N, C-alpha and C. Protein backbone atom coordinates (compact mmCIF):
# COMPACT_ATOMS: atom_id res chain seq x y z
N MET A 1 -67.31 -24.91 69.49
CA MET A 1 -66.67 -24.98 70.79
C MET A 1 -67.44 -24.19 71.84
N LYS A 2 -67.94 -23.01 71.49
CA LYS A 2 -68.67 -22.19 72.44
C LYS A 2 -69.96 -22.87 72.88
N SER A 3 -70.58 -23.64 72.01
CA SER A 3 -71.84 -24.28 72.35
C SER A 3 -71.66 -25.33 73.46
N ARG A 4 -70.49 -25.88 73.63
CA ARG A 4 -70.22 -26.84 74.70
C ARG A 4 -69.85 -26.14 76.00
N THR A 5 -69.23 -25.02 75.91
CA THR A 5 -68.76 -24.30 77.09
C THR A 5 -69.91 -23.79 77.95
N ILE A 6 -70.93 -23.25 77.34
CA ILE A 6 -72.05 -22.67 78.09
C ILE A 6 -72.76 -23.72 78.95
N PRO A 7 -73.12 -24.89 78.42
CA PRO A 7 -73.77 -25.88 79.29
C PRO A 7 -72.88 -26.34 80.45
N VAL A 8 -71.59 -26.43 80.20
CA VAL A 8 -70.67 -26.84 81.27
C VAL A 8 -70.64 -25.78 82.36
N ILE A 9 -70.56 -24.52 81.99
CA ILE A 9 -70.54 -23.43 82.96
C ILE A 9 -71.85 -23.37 83.74
N VAL A 10 -72.96 -23.51 83.04
CA VAL A 10 -74.27 -23.50 83.69
C VAL A 10 -74.37 -24.66 84.67
N GLY A 11 -73.90 -25.82 84.29
CA GLY A 11 -73.92 -26.99 85.18
C GLY A 11 -73.06 -26.77 86.42
N MET A 12 -71.89 -26.18 86.24
CA MET A 12 -71.01 -25.90 87.38
C MET A 12 -71.65 -24.90 88.34
N LEU A 13 -72.28 -23.88 87.79
CA LEU A 13 -72.96 -22.89 88.62
C LEU A 13 -74.12 -23.52 89.39
N PHE A 14 -74.85 -24.42 88.74
CA PHE A 14 -75.96 -25.10 89.38
C PHE A 14 -75.46 -25.94 90.56
N LEU A 15 -74.39 -26.70 90.35
CA LEU A 15 -73.83 -27.52 91.42
C LEU A 15 -73.28 -26.66 92.56
N ALA A 16 -72.67 -25.54 92.23
CA ALA A 16 -72.15 -24.63 93.26
C ALA A 16 -73.29 -24.07 94.10
N ALA A 17 -74.42 -23.78 93.47
CA ALA A 17 -75.58 -23.25 94.20
C ALA A 17 -76.16 -24.30 95.14
N LEU A 18 -76.04 -25.56 94.82
CA LEU A 18 -76.58 -26.62 95.66
C LEU A 18 -75.68 -26.96 96.85
N SER A 19 -74.39 -26.67 96.74
CA SER A 19 -73.47 -27.03 97.82
C SER A 19 -73.58 -26.04 98.96
N PRO A 20 -73.38 -26.50 100.21
CA PRO A 20 -73.50 -25.61 101.35
C PRO A 20 -72.41 -24.54 101.34
N ALA A 21 -72.73 -23.37 101.87
CA ALA A 21 -71.78 -22.27 101.90
C ALA A 21 -70.63 -22.57 102.86
N HIS A 22 -70.90 -23.30 103.92
CA HIS A 22 -69.87 -23.65 104.90
C HIS A 22 -69.63 -25.15 104.85
N ALA A 23 -68.42 -25.51 105.15
CA ALA A 23 -68.15 -26.94 105.26
C ALA A 23 -68.88 -27.47 106.49
N ALA A 24 -69.12 -28.75 106.49
CA ALA A 24 -69.82 -29.36 107.62
C ALA A 24 -68.98 -29.18 108.89
N VAL A 25 -69.65 -29.03 110.00
CA VAL A 25 -68.97 -28.88 111.28
C VAL A 25 -68.37 -30.22 111.68
N ASP A 26 -67.13 -30.19 112.08
CA ASP A 26 -66.45 -31.39 112.59
C ASP A 26 -66.71 -31.42 114.09
N GLU A 27 -67.78 -32.12 114.48
CA GLU A 27 -68.21 -32.13 115.88
C GLU A 27 -67.14 -32.71 116.80
N ALA A 28 -66.49 -33.78 116.37
CA ALA A 28 -65.47 -34.41 117.21
C ALA A 28 -64.31 -33.44 117.47
N ALA A 29 -63.88 -32.72 116.45
CA ALA A 29 -62.79 -31.76 116.61
C ALA A 29 -63.21 -30.60 117.51
N ALA A 30 -64.44 -30.12 117.34
CA ALA A 30 -64.94 -29.02 118.16
C ALA A 30 -65.01 -29.43 119.63
N GLN A 31 -65.54 -30.62 119.89
CA GLN A 31 -65.64 -31.09 121.27
C GLN A 31 -64.26 -31.34 121.88
N ALA A 32 -63.34 -31.85 121.07
CA ALA A 32 -61.98 -32.08 121.56
C ALA A 32 -61.31 -30.76 121.93
N LEU A 33 -61.50 -29.73 121.11
CA LEU A 33 -60.93 -28.42 121.41
C LEU A 33 -61.57 -27.83 122.66
N ALA A 34 -62.90 -27.94 122.77
CA ALA A 34 -63.59 -27.40 123.94
C ALA A 34 -63.09 -28.11 125.21
N LYS A 35 -62.85 -29.40 125.11
CA LYS A 35 -62.33 -30.15 126.26
C LYS A 35 -60.90 -29.70 126.58
N LYS A 36 -60.06 -29.60 125.54
CA LYS A 36 -58.66 -29.20 125.72
C LYS A 36 -58.56 -27.80 126.33
N GLU A 37 -59.43 -26.90 125.88
CA GLU A 37 -59.38 -25.50 126.34
C GLU A 37 -60.15 -25.31 127.65
N ASP A 38 -60.69 -26.39 128.21
CA ASP A 38 -61.40 -26.37 129.49
C ASP A 38 -62.74 -25.63 129.44
N CYS A 39 -63.35 -25.57 128.26
CA CYS A 39 -64.65 -24.89 128.11
C CYS A 39 -65.75 -25.60 128.91
N PHE A 40 -65.63 -26.93 129.01
CA PHE A 40 -66.67 -27.69 129.70
C PHE A 40 -66.62 -27.49 131.22
N LYS A 41 -65.62 -26.78 131.71
CA LYS A 41 -65.57 -26.45 133.13
C LYS A 41 -66.75 -25.53 133.48
N CYS A 42 -67.08 -24.63 132.55
CA CYS A 42 -68.16 -23.66 132.80
C CYS A 42 -69.40 -23.90 131.95
N HIS A 43 -69.26 -24.60 130.84
CA HIS A 43 -70.37 -24.81 129.91
C HIS A 43 -70.64 -26.30 129.69
N ALA A 44 -71.90 -26.61 129.43
CA ALA A 44 -72.30 -27.94 128.99
C ALA A 44 -73.18 -27.74 127.76
N ILE A 45 -73.44 -28.80 127.04
CA ILE A 45 -74.24 -28.66 125.82
C ILE A 45 -75.67 -28.25 126.14
N ASP A 46 -76.28 -28.93 127.11
CA ASP A 46 -77.71 -28.66 127.33
C ASP A 46 -78.09 -28.39 128.77
N LYS A 47 -77.12 -28.11 129.63
CA LYS A 47 -77.47 -27.75 131.00
C LYS A 47 -76.59 -26.60 131.48
N THR A 48 -77.13 -25.82 132.39
CA THR A 48 -76.42 -24.68 132.93
C THR A 48 -75.41 -25.14 133.97
N LYS A 49 -74.23 -24.61 133.86
CA LYS A 49 -73.19 -24.85 134.87
C LYS A 49 -72.83 -23.47 135.41
N LYS A 50 -71.57 -23.18 135.54
CA LYS A 50 -71.14 -21.85 135.96
C LYS A 50 -71.54 -20.81 134.90
N GLY A 51 -71.47 -21.23 133.64
CA GLY A 51 -71.90 -20.40 132.52
C GLY A 51 -73.09 -21.04 131.84
N PRO A 52 -73.68 -20.35 130.87
CA PRO A 52 -74.86 -20.89 130.18
C PRO A 52 -74.53 -22.10 129.32
N SER A 53 -75.54 -22.92 129.06
CA SER A 53 -75.35 -24.07 128.18
C SER A 53 -75.10 -23.58 126.76
N TYR A 54 -74.53 -24.44 125.94
CA TYR A 54 -74.31 -24.08 124.54
C TYR A 54 -75.64 -23.88 123.82
N LYS A 55 -76.67 -24.62 124.23
CA LYS A 55 -78.00 -24.42 123.63
C LYS A 55 -78.51 -23.02 123.94
N LYS A 56 -78.31 -22.57 125.16
CA LYS A 56 -78.75 -21.23 125.56
C LYS A 56 -77.94 -20.16 124.81
N ILE A 57 -76.65 -20.39 124.66
CA ILE A 57 -75.80 -19.45 123.92
C ILE A 57 -76.26 -19.37 122.46
N ALA A 58 -76.50 -20.52 121.84
CA ALA A 58 -76.94 -20.54 120.44
C ALA A 58 -78.26 -19.80 120.28
N ALA A 59 -79.18 -20.00 121.22
CA ALA A 59 -80.48 -19.31 121.15
C ALA A 59 -80.31 -17.81 121.28
N LYS A 60 -79.43 -17.37 122.17
CA LYS A 60 -79.17 -15.94 122.36
C LYS A 60 -78.58 -15.33 121.09
N TYR A 61 -77.61 -16.02 120.49
CA TYR A 61 -76.98 -15.51 119.28
C TYR A 61 -78.00 -15.43 118.14
N LYS A 62 -78.88 -16.42 118.06
CA LYS A 62 -79.90 -16.42 117.02
C LYS A 62 -80.89 -15.27 117.24
N GLU A 63 -81.35 -15.12 118.47
CA GLU A 63 -82.32 -14.08 118.81
C GLU A 63 -81.77 -12.68 118.54
N LYS A 64 -80.51 -12.47 118.90
CA LYS A 64 -79.90 -11.14 118.74
C LYS A 64 -79.23 -10.97 117.38
N LYS A 65 -79.34 -12.00 116.54
CA LYS A 65 -78.74 -11.99 115.20
C LYS A 65 -77.22 -11.72 115.26
N LEU A 66 -76.58 -12.36 116.24
CA LEU A 66 -75.14 -12.26 116.37
C LEU A 66 -74.51 -13.31 115.47
N THR A 67 -73.27 -13.09 115.09
CA THR A 67 -72.62 -13.93 114.09
C THR A 67 -71.51 -14.82 114.68
N GLU A 68 -71.06 -15.71 113.85
CA GLU A 68 -69.91 -16.56 114.18
C GLU A 68 -68.70 -15.70 114.55
N LYS A 69 -68.51 -14.63 113.81
CA LYS A 69 -67.38 -13.73 114.06
C LYS A 69 -67.45 -13.18 115.49
N GLU A 70 -68.66 -12.85 115.94
CA GLU A 70 -68.82 -12.34 117.30
C GLU A 70 -68.58 -13.43 118.34
N ALA A 71 -68.94 -14.65 118.02
CA ALA A 71 -68.68 -15.77 118.92
C ALA A 71 -67.17 -16.00 119.06
N ILE A 72 -66.46 -15.92 117.95
CA ILE A 72 -65.01 -16.10 117.97
C ILE A 72 -64.36 -14.98 118.78
N LYS A 73 -64.84 -13.76 118.61
CA LYS A 73 -64.31 -12.63 119.38
C LYS A 73 -64.50 -12.88 120.88
N GLN A 74 -65.66 -13.39 121.25
CA GLN A 74 -65.95 -13.69 122.66
C GLN A 74 -64.95 -14.71 123.21
N MET A 75 -64.60 -15.69 122.39
CA MET A 75 -63.71 -16.77 122.85
C MET A 75 -62.23 -16.38 122.83
N THR A 76 -61.88 -15.34 122.08
CA THR A 76 -60.46 -15.04 121.90
C THR A 76 -60.00 -13.73 122.52
N THR A 77 -60.92 -12.93 123.08
CA THR A 77 -60.52 -11.64 123.64
C THR A 77 -60.69 -11.52 125.14
N GLY A 78 -61.39 -12.46 125.77
CA GLY A 78 -61.54 -12.46 127.22
C GLY A 78 -62.35 -11.32 127.81
N PRO A 79 -63.51 -10.99 127.22
CA PRO A 79 -64.31 -9.90 127.78
C PRO A 79 -64.94 -10.32 129.12
N LYS A 80 -65.42 -9.33 129.86
CA LYS A 80 -66.16 -9.62 131.10
C LYS A 80 -67.45 -10.32 130.72
N VAL A 81 -67.80 -11.36 131.47
CA VAL A 81 -69.05 -12.07 131.25
C VAL A 81 -69.79 -12.18 132.57
N LYS A 82 -71.11 -12.13 132.47
CA LYS A 82 -71.95 -12.31 133.65
C LYS A 82 -72.27 -13.79 133.78
N LEU A 83 -71.97 -14.34 134.92
CA LEU A 83 -72.20 -15.75 135.17
C LEU A 83 -73.63 -15.99 135.64
N GLU A 84 -74.02 -17.23 135.66
CA GLU A 84 -75.39 -17.60 136.03
C GLU A 84 -75.74 -17.16 137.45
N ASP A 85 -74.75 -17.06 138.34
CA ASP A 85 -75.03 -16.63 139.71
C ASP A 85 -75.03 -15.11 139.87
N GLY A 86 -74.85 -14.39 138.76
CA GLY A 86 -74.88 -12.92 138.79
C GLY A 86 -73.52 -12.27 138.93
N THR A 87 -72.49 -13.05 139.25
CA THR A 87 -71.15 -12.47 139.35
C THR A 87 -70.57 -12.27 137.95
N GLU A 88 -69.48 -11.52 137.89
CA GLU A 88 -68.79 -11.28 136.62
C GLU A 88 -67.34 -11.71 136.72
N GLU A 89 -66.82 -12.15 135.60
CA GLU A 89 -65.39 -12.46 135.51
C GLU A 89 -64.97 -12.39 134.05
N ASP A 90 -63.66 -12.37 133.83
CA ASP A 90 -63.13 -12.37 132.46
C ASP A 90 -63.34 -13.75 131.85
N HIS A 91 -63.84 -13.78 130.63
CA HIS A 91 -64.01 -15.05 129.92
C HIS A 91 -62.63 -15.59 129.59
N LYS A 92 -62.45 -16.89 129.73
CA LYS A 92 -61.18 -17.53 129.40
C LYS A 92 -60.88 -17.34 127.91
N ILE A 93 -59.63 -17.08 127.59
CA ILE A 93 -59.20 -16.90 126.21
C ILE A 93 -58.74 -18.24 125.65
N ILE A 94 -59.29 -18.61 124.51
CA ILE A 94 -58.87 -19.84 123.85
C ILE A 94 -57.48 -19.64 123.27
N GLU A 95 -56.59 -20.58 123.53
CA GLU A 95 -55.20 -20.45 123.09
C GLU A 95 -55.02 -20.71 121.60
N ASN A 96 -55.83 -21.59 121.02
CA ASN A 96 -55.70 -21.90 119.59
C ASN A 96 -56.10 -20.69 118.76
N LYS A 97 -55.27 -20.29 117.83
CA LYS A 97 -55.53 -19.10 117.02
C LYS A 97 -55.81 -19.42 115.55
N ASP A 98 -55.90 -20.70 115.21
CA ASP A 98 -56.17 -21.11 113.83
C ASP A 98 -57.60 -20.72 113.47
N PRO A 99 -57.78 -19.82 112.47
CA PRO A 99 -59.12 -19.35 112.10
C PRO A 99 -60.10 -20.48 111.74
N LYS A 100 -59.62 -21.51 111.07
CA LYS A 100 -60.49 -22.63 110.70
C LYS A 100 -60.95 -23.41 111.92
N VAL A 101 -60.05 -23.60 112.85
CA VAL A 101 -60.38 -24.33 114.08
C VAL A 101 -61.38 -23.53 114.91
N LEU A 102 -61.13 -22.22 115.04
CA LEU A 102 -62.04 -21.35 115.79
C LEU A 102 -63.41 -21.28 115.13
N SER A 103 -63.42 -21.20 113.81
CA SER A 103 -64.68 -21.17 113.07
C SER A 103 -65.47 -22.45 113.30
N ASN A 104 -64.78 -23.58 113.27
CA ASN A 104 -65.44 -24.87 113.49
C ASN A 104 -66.06 -24.91 114.89
N LEU A 105 -65.32 -24.46 115.90
CA LEU A 105 -65.83 -24.46 117.27
C LEU A 105 -67.04 -23.53 117.38
N ALA A 106 -66.93 -22.35 116.82
CA ALA A 106 -68.05 -21.39 116.89
C ALA A 106 -69.29 -21.96 116.18
N GLN A 107 -69.10 -22.54 115.01
CA GLN A 107 -70.24 -23.13 114.28
C GLN A 107 -70.85 -24.27 115.08
N TRP A 108 -70.02 -25.07 115.74
CA TRP A 108 -70.53 -26.17 116.54
C TRP A 108 -71.39 -25.64 117.70
N ILE A 109 -70.86 -24.64 118.39
CA ILE A 109 -71.61 -24.06 119.52
C ILE A 109 -72.92 -23.45 119.03
N LEU A 110 -72.85 -22.69 117.95
CA LEU A 110 -74.05 -21.98 117.46
C LEU A 110 -75.06 -22.90 116.79
N SER A 111 -74.67 -24.14 116.52
CA SER A 111 -75.60 -25.08 115.90
C SER A 111 -76.35 -25.92 116.93
N ARG A 112 -76.10 -25.69 118.17
CA ARG A 112 -76.75 -26.48 119.22
C ARG A 112 -78.22 -26.21 119.25
C-alpha cells in the first residue's frame, strides 16, 4: 500500500508546483468594478487623465517593488495623492470591501 501512496503524493506535488499561485485575473469583473466605482473618471488604461494611467501605476509599483496589498490599501483608505497637474486631493475610497474582489482589481491594474 505504501508503494502506491508515494507516487501519488509526488504527482500531486508536481501538479501543484505547475499551477499558478494566483487565480487568473477576471478582467471583465475588474473593469466593471472600476467603472462602477468611477475609477475611469481619473484613470485610463494607457493614457493620462486627471490621474496616471494604469500602465504608469503598474510600472511604478514594479519599479518600487510595491505589492498588491499596498495597491488595495491605496484604493480603500483614501490617502492624499498628487495629481498629474501637481495638485493634491484625497484618493476616492472604493466601496466594495470583498477581499477577493479587491485583489482581482489590484491584480488587473498591476498587470497592465
